[in-house]
Structure formats: C-alpha cells, structure tokens
Protein backbone atom coordinates (compact mmCIF):
# COMPACT_ATOMS: atom_id res chain seq x y z
CA MET A 1 -3.40 -17.26 -32.04
CA LYS A 2 -5.62 -19.97 -30.53
CA LYS A 3 -2.70 -21.35 -28.55
CA PHE A 4 -1.93 -17.90 -27.19
CA LEU A 5 -5.55 -17.36 -26.11
CA ALA A 6 -5.61 -20.79 -24.47
CA PHE A 7 -2.41 -19.89 -22.63
CA VAL A 8 -3.86 -16.59 -21.40
CA VAL A 9 -7.03 -18.33 -20.20
CA CYS A 10 -4.94 -20.89 -18.31
CA VAL A 11 -2.87 -18.18 -16.65
CA VAL A 12 -5.99 -16.28 -15.57
CA VAL A 13 -7.61 -19.44 -14.19
CA LEU A 14 -4.48 -20.36 -12.25
CA PHE A 15 -4.21 -16.83 -10.87
CA VAL A 16 -7.83 -16.79 -9.71
CA ALA A 17 -7.50 -20.28 -8.21
CA GLY A 18 -4.32 -19.21 -6.40
CA THR A 19 -6.03 -16.13 -5.02
CA ALA A 20 -8.96 -18.14 -3.72
CA SER A 21 -6.70 -20.62 -2.02
CA ALA A 22 -4.66 -17.78 -0.48
CA THR A 23 -7.87 -16.38 0.99
CA GLU A 24 -8.79 -19.81 2.31
CA ARG A 25 -5.31 -20.22 3.84
CA PHE A 26 -5.64 -16.82 5.52
CA LYS A 27 -9.02 -17.74 7.01
CA ASP A 28 -7.61 -21.06 8.18
CA LEU A 29 -4.71 -19.21 9.83
CA GLN A 30 -7.15 -16.87 11.58
CA GLU A 31 -9.20 -19.79 12.89
CA LYS A 32 -6.12 -21.58 14.20
CA ALA A 33 -4.88 -18.40 15.90
CA GLU A 34 -8.27 -17.89 17.56
CA LYS A 35 -8.07 -21.45 18.89
CA GLY A 36 -4.68 -20.76 20.49
CA ASP A 37 -2.23 -22.12 17.89
CA ILE A 38 0.96 -20.15 18.65
CA ASN A 39 2.49 -20.74 15.22
CA ALA A 40 -0.68 -19.40 13.59
CA MET A 41 -0.58 -16.36 15.91
CA PHE A 42 3.03 -15.73 14.93
CA LEU A 43 2.39 -16.06 11.20
CA LEU A 44 -0.80 -14.00 11.31
CA GLY A 45 1.04 -11.29 13.24
CA GLY A 46 3.57 -11.17 10.40
CA LYS A 47 0.80 -10.72 7.85
CA TYR A 48 -0.64 -7.79 9.80
CA PHE A 49 2.82 -6.29 10.25
CA LYS A 50 3.66 -6.52 6.53
CA GLY A 51 0.16 -5.86 5.22
CA GLU A 52 -0.07 -9.19 3.42
CA GLU A 53 -3.69 -10.02 2.56
CA VAL A 54 -4.82 -7.45 5.16
CA LYS A 55 -4.34 -3.76 5.83
CA LYS A 56 -1.16 -3.06 7.81
CA ASP A 57 -1.96 -3.02 11.50
CA TYR A 58 1.07 -2.84 13.78
CA LYS A 59 -1.08 -2.90 16.91
CA LYS A 60 -2.80 -6.14 15.83
CA ALA A 61 0.58 -7.64 14.86
CA ALA A 62 2.02 -6.83 18.28
CA GLU A 63 -1.08 -8.23 20.00
CA LEU A 64 -0.78 -11.54 18.15
CA TRP A 65 2.97 -11.76 18.73
CA ARG A 66 2.47 -10.98 22.44
CA LYS A 67 -0.07 -13.79 22.80
CA ALA A 68 2.27 -16.23 21.06
CA ALA A 69 5.27 -14.96 23.04
CA GLU A 70 3.45 -15.45 26.33
CA LYS A 71 2.94 -19.09 25.34
CA GLY A 72 6.65 -19.53 24.63
CA HIS A 73 7.04 -18.87 20.90
CA ASP A 74 10.68 -17.72 20.59
CA ASP A 75 10.35 -15.96 17.23
CA ALA A 76 7.26 -14.11 18.44
CA GLN A 77 9.24 -12.92 21.46
CA TYR A 78 11.98 -11.66 19.14
CA ASN A 79 9.57 -9.92 16.75
CA LEU A 80 7.76 -8.30 19.65
CA ALA A 81 11.03 -6.95 21.03
CA ILE A 82 12.04 -5.57 17.62
CA ALA A 83 8.58 -4.03 17.13
CA TYR A 84 9.01 -1.99 20.31
CA GLU A 85 12.41 -0.60 19.34
C-alpha cells in the first residue's frame, strides 16, 4: 500500500511539474513571437488555432500566421491559405 501511495504522489508531482513547465514554455513562445521570431509566431498561431493552452481563436491564429508569412515563413503561408479556404 505504501508503494502505491508513493507512486501516486510521484505521478501527481510529475503532472504538476509538467503543467508548470508547459505554461512557462507558452509564455516563452509568446515573448519570442512579440519580439518578431517567425517560428514562434507560427507555433503560437497553431496553439490558438487548435485551442492548445488557450481558448480557440481563429482570428488570432490567422493574425500570427500572417505576420510570420509576411516575413517568409513557408509553413505559415500554407496554414494561412488553408485557413481562408
């Protein structure tokens, strides 16, 4: 029983630690996008499009993809074209 409880505690700790780091990665991605990093803009646009770690926002996704596309990001250009279909 003690081993099981120790296992459950470890799983919970790892889950909480993973969630915190995911939040930190998202904030880092936002900061990079704001500074003009086209890969960050592209990835952040995908998160808004899919609703990963944020509420779905197709308009925000398209805005981020457009900014990245205008700076030459090929995948952002493709996603933007698909989003308008």
